[in-house]
């Protein structure tokens, strides 16, 4: 019996209908006001690297709406190039990846979590399942930073792939 058949059998109710415990994505929006403070922008060296000011630079921070039955939640997401250690205690992010993380942090309330998730982009099915699994574990209002080879193997497969924005919105900044 293959993995898919075992999973279906395990999740099947007596009536023969497949039940799902996972959230489904209902909406993905870019945050229009996902930017850094001038100080953060300069500390990261982005002014030197890109040659334009923090007022112009916007980072790819997303508001992802999810639904499971009557339960709804919103999770903030960003992608960052780089690597996480095996124990998840340290991260080596690219400069732009750190900028995305810092920009996302402006929208996460102090009592919410920021989750880091290693992501490898071997196959489309694996990526979708991994992203949905991580988003399903996040609580309403949490932030999730997907870390991986965003300019290489994951280019266009998470942002524009699994998380395909359908518009933009402004959100309240907390920090």
C-alpha atoms as a PDB file:
ATOM      1  CA  UNK A   1       0.000   0.000   0.000  1.00  0.00           C
ATOM      2  CA  UNK A   2       1.496   3.360  -1.048  1.00  0.00           C
ATOM      3  CA  UNK A   3       1.824   6.424   1.163  1.00  0.00           C
ATOM      4  CA  UNK A   4      -1.198   8.160  -0.393  1.00  0.00           C
ATOM      5  CA  UNK A   5      -3.405   5.077   0.072  1.00  0.00           C
ATOM      6  CA  UNK A   6      -2.294   4.685   3.731  1.00  0.00           C
ATOM      7  CA  UNK A   7      -2.978   8.371   4.404  1.00  0.00           C
ATOM      8  CA  UNK A   8      -6.434   8.208   2.843  1.00  0.00           C
ATOM      9  CA  UNK A   9      -7.315   5.070   4.800  1.00  0.00           C
ATOM     10  CA  UNK A  10      -6.045   6.568   8.073  1.00  0.00           C
ATOM     11  CA  UNK A  11      -8.050   9.790   7.568  1.00  0.00           C
ATOM     12  CA  UNK A  12     -11.225   8.138   6.299  1.00  0.00           C
ATOM     13  CA  UNK A  13     -14.412   8.297   8.370  1.00  0.00           C
ATOM     14  CA  UNK A  14     -16.736   5.316   8.531  1.00  0.00           C
ATOM     15  CA  UNK A  15     -19.018   6.970   5.984  1.00  0.00           C
ATOM     16  CA  UNK A  16     -16.262   6.801   3.400  1.00  0.00           C
ATOM     17  CA  UNK A  17     -15.726  10.593   3.243  1.00  0.00           C
ATOM     18  CA  UNK A  18     -12.193  11.893   3.541  1.00  0.00           C
ATOM     19  CA  UNK A  19     -11.745  14.206   6.511  1.00  0.00           C
ATOM     20  CA  UNK A  20      -8.993  16.781   6.606  1.00  0.00           C
ATOM     21  CA  UNK A  21      -7.352  18.312   9.655  1.00  0.00           C
ATOM     22  CA  UNK A  22      -5.360  20.803   7.669  1.00  0.00           C
ATOM     23  CA  UNK A  23      -6.174  24.407   6.991  1.00  0.00           C
ATOM     24  CA  UNK A  24      -6.661  25.534   3.408  1.00  0.00           C
ATOM     25  CA  UNK A  25      -5.394  28.865   2.078  1.00  0.00           C
ATOM     26  CA  UNK A  26      -8.284  31.199   1.235  1.00  0.00           C
ATOM     27  CA  UNK A  27      -6.343  34.398   0.479  1.00  0.00           C
ATOM     28  CA  UNK A  28      -2.787  35.688   0.173  1.00  0.00           C
ATOM     29  CA  UNK A  29      -2.134  39.441   0.217  1.00  0.00           C
ATOM     30  CA  UNK A  30       1.056  41.506   0.018  1.00  0.00           C
ATOM     31  CA  UNK A  31       1.393  43.999   2.869  1.00  0.00           C
ATOM     32  CA  UNK A  32       1.668  47.436   1.252  1.00  0.00           C
ATOM     33  CA  UNK A  33       3.351  48.910   4.315  1.00  0.00           C
ATOM     34  CA  UNK A  34       6.037  46.216   4.780  1.00  0.00           C
ATOM     35  CA  UNK A  35       9.110  48.399   5.075  1.00  0.00           C
ATOM     36  CA  UNK A  36      11.983  48.965   7.467  1.00  0.00           C
ATOM     37  CA  UNK A  37      12.836  51.970   9.555  1.00  0.00           C
ATOM     38  CA  UNK A  38      15.651  54.140   8.162  1.00  0.00           C
ATOM     39  CA  UNK A  39      17.905  52.855  10.962  1.00  0.00           C
ATOM     40  CA  UNK A  40      17.200  49.168  10.190  1.00  0.00           C
ATOM     41  CA  UNK A  41      17.704  49.778   6.482  1.00  0.00           C
ATOM     42  CA  UNK A  42      21.074  51.463   7.057  1.00  0.00           C
ATOM     43  CA  UNK A  43      22.203  48.869   9.649  1.00  0.00           C
ATOM     44  CA  UNK A  44      21.635  46.105   7.114  1.00  0.00           C
ATOM     45  CA  UNK A  45      23.659  47.989   4.488  1.00  0.00           C
ATOM     46  CA  UNK A  46      20.785  48.014   2.018  1.00  0.00           C
ATOM     47  CA  UNK A  47      21.276  51.665   1.064  1.00  0.00           C
ATOM     48  CA  UNK A  48      24.814  50.873  -0.106  1.00  0.00           C
ATOM     49  CA  UNK A  49      23.748  47.600  -1.728  1.00  0.00           C
ATOM     50  CA  UNK A  50      20.731  48.915  -3.661  1.00  0.00           C
ATOM     51  CA  UNK A  51      21.231  52.671  -3.801  1.00  0.00           C
ATOM     52  CA  UNK A  52      17.711  53.761  -2.871  1.00  0.00           C
ATOM     53  CA  UNK A  53      16.175  54.798   0.421  1.00  0.00           C
ATOM     54  CA  UNK A  54      14.050  52.863   2.884  1.00  0.00           C
ATOM     55  CA  UNK A  55      10.982  54.906   1.858  1.00  0.00           C
ATOM     56  CA  UNK A  56      10.969  53.174  -1.516  1.00  0.00           C
ATOM     57  CA  UNK A  57      11.970  49.649  -0.466  1.00  0.00           C
ATOM     58  CA  UNK A  58       9.127  47.255   0.310  1.00  0.00           C
ATOM     59  CA  UNK A  59       9.680  43.669   1.394  1.00  0.00           C
ATOM     60  CA  UNK A  60       7.697  40.578   0.493  1.00  0.00           C
ATOM     61  CA  UNK A  61       5.628  40.163   3.633  1.00  0.00           C
ATOM     62  CA  UNK A  62       2.350  38.339   3.148  1.00  0.00           C
ATOM     63  CA  UNK A  63      -0.892  38.078   5.063  1.00  0.00           C
ATOM     64  CA  UNK A  64      -2.166  34.533   4.524  1.00  0.00           C
ATOM     65  CA  UNK A  65      -5.769  33.756   5.444  1.00  0.00           C
ATOM     66  CA  UNK A  66      -6.568  30.128   6.241  1.00  0.00           C
ATOM     67  CA  UNK A  67      -9.761  28.206   6.942  1.00  0.00           C
ATOM     68  CA  UNK A  68     -10.629  24.795   8.384  1.00  0.00           C
ATOM     69  CA  UNK A  69     -14.351  24.223   8.859  1.00  0.00           C
ATOM     70  CA  UNK A  70     -15.659  27.186  10.892  1.00  0.00           C
ATOM     71  CA  UNK A  71     -12.160  28.120  12.112  1.00  0.00           C
ATOM     72  CA  UNK A  72     -10.330  31.023  10.436  1.00  0.00           C
ATOM     73  CA  UNK A  73      -6.899  32.463  11.077  1.00  0.00           C
ATOM     74  CA  UNK A  74      -4.420  34.917   9.589  1.00  0.00           C
ATOM     75  CA  UNK A  75      -0.693  34.242   9.534  1.00  0.00           C
ATOM     76  CA  UNK A  76       2.070  36.615   8.446  1.00  0.00           C
ATOM     77  CA  UNK A  77       4.736  35.135   6.178  1.00  0.00           C
ATOM     78  CA  UNK A  78       8.029  36.091   4.629  1.00  0.00           C
ATOM     79  CA  UNK A  79      10.724  34.244   2.735  1.00  0.00           C
ATOM     80  CA  UNK A  80      14.418  34.573   3.493  1.00  0.00           C
ATOM     81  CA  UNK A  81      17.412  33.246   1.664  1.00  0.00           C
ATOM     82  CA  UNK A  82      19.836  31.465   3.961  1.00  0.00           C
ATOM     83  CA  UNK A  83      20.197  28.473   6.265  1.00  0.00           C
ATOM     84  CA  UNK A  84      19.022  27.365   9.691  1.00  0.00           C
ATOM     85  CA  UNK A  85      21.165  25.137  11.886  1.00  0.00           C
ATOM     86  CA  UNK A  86      19.909  21.590  12.483  1.00  0.00           C
ATOM     87  CA  UNK A  87      18.746  22.521  15.992  1.00  0.00           C
ATOM     88  CA  UNK A  88      16.999  25.701  14.715  1.00  0.00           C
ATOM     89  CA  UNK A  89      18.932  27.765  17.272  1.00  0.00           C
ATOM     90  CA  UNK A  90      20.814  29.887  14.752  1.00  0.00           C
ATOM     91  CA  UNK A  91      20.147  31.298  11.316  1.00  0.00           C
ATOM     92  CA  UNK A  92      22.450  32.670   8.646  1.00  0.00           C
ATOM     93  CA  UNK A  93      20.162  34.795   6.484  1.00  0.00           C
ATOM     94  CA  UNK A  94      20.990  36.878   3.436  1.00  0.00           C
ATOM     95  CA  UNK A  95      20.822  40.643   3.842  1.00  0.00           C
ATOM     96  CA  UNK A  96      17.523  40.842   1.985  1.00  0.00           C
ATOM     97  CA  UNK A  97      16.242  37.837   3.973  1.00  0.00           C
ATOM     98  CA  UNK A  98      17.006  39.636   7.222  1.00  0.00           C
ATOM     99  CA  UNK A  99      15.247  42.708   5.835  1.00  0.00           C
ATOM    100  CA  UNK A 100      12.141  40.620   5.090  1.00  0.00           C
ATOM    101  CA  UNK A 101      12.212  39.130   8.575  1.00  0.00           C
ATOM    102  CA  UNK A 102      12.636  42.549  10.224  1.00  0.00           C
ATOM    103  CA  UNK A 103       9.816  43.995   8.088  1.00  0.00           C
ATOM    104  CA  UNK A 104       7.507  41.126   9.085  1.00  0.00           C
ATOM    105  CA  UNK A 105       8.373  41.625  12.768  1.00  0.00           C
ATOM    106  CA  UNK A 106       6.747  45.082  12.637  1.00  0.00           C
ATOM    107  CA  UNK A 107       3.370  43.345  12.227  1.00  0.00           C
ATOM    108  CA  UNK A 108       3.706  40.578  14.832  1.00  0.00           C
ATOM    109  CA  UNK A 109       2.277  41.469  18.236  1.00  0.00           C
ATOM    110  CA  UNK A 110       4.540  40.871  21.246  1.00  0.00           C
ATOM    111  CA  UNK A 111       2.484  37.947  22.554  1.00  0.00           C
ATOM    112  CA  UNK A 112       2.613  36.138  19.186  1.00  0.00           C
ATOM    113  CA  UNK A 113       5.323  33.788  17.926  1.00  0.00           C
ATOM    114  CA  UNK A 114       7.681  33.965  14.977  1.00  0.00           C
ATOM    115  CA  UNK A 115       8.310  30.502  13.567  1.00  0.00           C
ATOM    116  CA  UNK A 116      11.281  29.627  11.377  1.00  0.00           C
ATOM    117  CA  UNK A 117      10.849  26.844   8.854  1.00  0.00           C
ATOM    118  CA  UNK A 118      13.520  25.241   6.684  1.00  0.00           C
ATOM    119  CA  UNK A 119      12.218  24.757   3.206  1.00  0.00           C
ATOM    120  CA  UNK A 120      13.654  22.687   0.380  1.00  0.00           C
ATOM    121  CA  UNK A 121      12.067  22.835  -3.015  1.00  0.00           C
ATOM    122  CA  UNK A 122      12.574  19.371  -4.467  1.00  0.00           C
ATOM    123  CA  UNK A 123       9.067  18.862  -5.817  1.00  0.00           C
ATOM    124  CA  UNK A 124       5.917  20.935  -6.145  1.00  0.00           C
ATOM    125  CA  UNK A 125       3.874  18.498  -4.019  1.00  0.00           C
ATOM    126  CA  UNK A 126       6.497  18.456  -1.256  1.00  0.00           C
ATOM    127  CA  UNK A 127       6.640  22.272  -1.128  1.00  0.00           C
ATOM    128  CA  UNK A 128       2.862  22.688  -0.985  1.00  0.00           C
ATOM    129  CA  UNK A 129       2.499  20.038   1.730  1.00  0.00           C
ATOM    130  CA  UNK A 130       5.361  21.500   3.778  1.00  0.00           C
ATOM    131  CA  UNK A 131       4.060  25.090   3.552  1.00  0.00           C
ATOM    132  CA  UNK A 132       0.490  24.047   4.440  1.00  0.00           C
ATOM    133  CA  UNK A 133       1.724  21.893   7.318  1.00  0.00           C
ATOM    134  CA  UNK A 134       3.712  24.780   8.803  1.00  0.00           C
ATOM    135  CA  UNK A 135       0.891  27.288   8.316  1.00  0.00           C
ATOM    136  CA  UNK A 136      -1.555  24.827   9.911  1.00  0.00           C
ATOM    137  CA  UNK A 137       0.604  24.701  13.061  1.00  0.00           C
ATOM    138  CA  UNK A 138       0.898  28.484  13.347  1.00  0.00           C
ATOM    139  CA  UNK A 139      -1.604  30.297  15.549  1.00  0.00           C
ATOM    140  CA  UNK A 140      -3.711  33.260  14.483  1.00  0.00           C
ATOM    141  CA  UNK A 141      -1.420  36.309  14.292  1.00  0.00           C
ATOM    142  CA  UNK A 142       1.865  34.360  14.302  1.00  0.00           C
ATOM    143  CA  UNK A 143       4.642  35.098  11.826  1.00  0.00           C
ATOM    144  CA  UNK A 144       6.351  32.410   9.737  1.00  0.00           C
ATOM    145  CA  UNK A 145       9.723  32.914   8.073  1.00  0.00           C
ATOM    146  CA  UNK A 146      10.431  30.305   5.387  1.00  0.00           C
ATOM    147  CA  UNK A 147      14.208  29.911   5.063  1.00  0.00           C
ATOM    148  CA  UNK A 148      15.954  28.284   2.121  1.00  0.00           C
ATOM    149  CA  UNK A 149      17.598  28.825  -1.243  1.00  0.00           C
ATOM    150  CA  UNK A 150      15.141  31.484  -2.409  1.00  0.00           C
ATOM    151  CA  UNK A 151      17.228  32.664  -5.365  1.00  0.00           C
ATOM    152  CA  UNK A 152      18.019  29.130  -6.533  1.00  0.00           C
ATOM    153  CA  UNK A 153      15.957  25.973  -6.066  1.00  0.00           C
ATOM    154  CA  UNK A 154      12.986  27.774  -4.423  1.00  0.00           C
ATOM    155  CA  UNK A 155      12.831  30.732  -6.819  1.00  0.00           C
ATOM    156  CA  UNK A 156       9.160  31.261  -7.709  1.00  0.00           C
ATOM    157  CA  UNK A 157       8.011  28.064  -6.016  1.00  0.00           C
ATOM    158  CA  UNK A 158       6.887  29.492  -2.669  1.00  0.00           C
ATOM    159  CA  UNK A 159       6.143  33.130  -3.427  1.00  0.00           C
ATOM    160  CA  UNK A 160       4.146  33.016  -6.650  1.00  0.00           C
ATOM    161  CA  UNK A 161       3.811  29.244  -6.368  1.00  0.00           C
ATOM    162  CA  UNK A 162       2.177  27.928  -3.192  1.00  0.00           C
ATOM    163  CA  UNK A 163       1.697  31.443  -1.812  1.00  0.00           C
ATOM    164  CA  UNK A 164       0.346  33.261  -4.842  1.00  0.00           C
ATOM    165  CA  UNK A 165      -0.736  36.786  -3.813  1.00  0.00           C
ATOM    166  CA  UNK A 166      -4.152  37.901  -5.043  1.00  0.00           C
ATOM    167  CA  UNK A 167      -3.868  41.546  -4.039  1.00  0.00           C
ATOM    168  CA  UNK A 168      -2.450  43.821  -1.374  1.00  0.00           C
ATOM    169  CA  UNK A 169      -3.570  45.294   1.918  1.00  0.00           C
ATOM    170  CA  UNK A 170      -2.257  47.614   4.616  1.00  0.00           C
ATOM    171  CA  UNK A 171      -2.006  46.265   8.143  1.00  0.00           C
ATOM    172  CA  UNK A 172      -1.411  47.846  11.523  1.00  0.00           C
ATOM    173  CA  UNK A 173       2.245  47.981  12.478  1.00  0.00           C
ATOM    174  CA  UNK A 174       2.970  47.160  16.124  1.00  0.00           C
ATOM    175  CA  UNK A 175       6.655  48.044  16.368  1.00  0.00           C
END
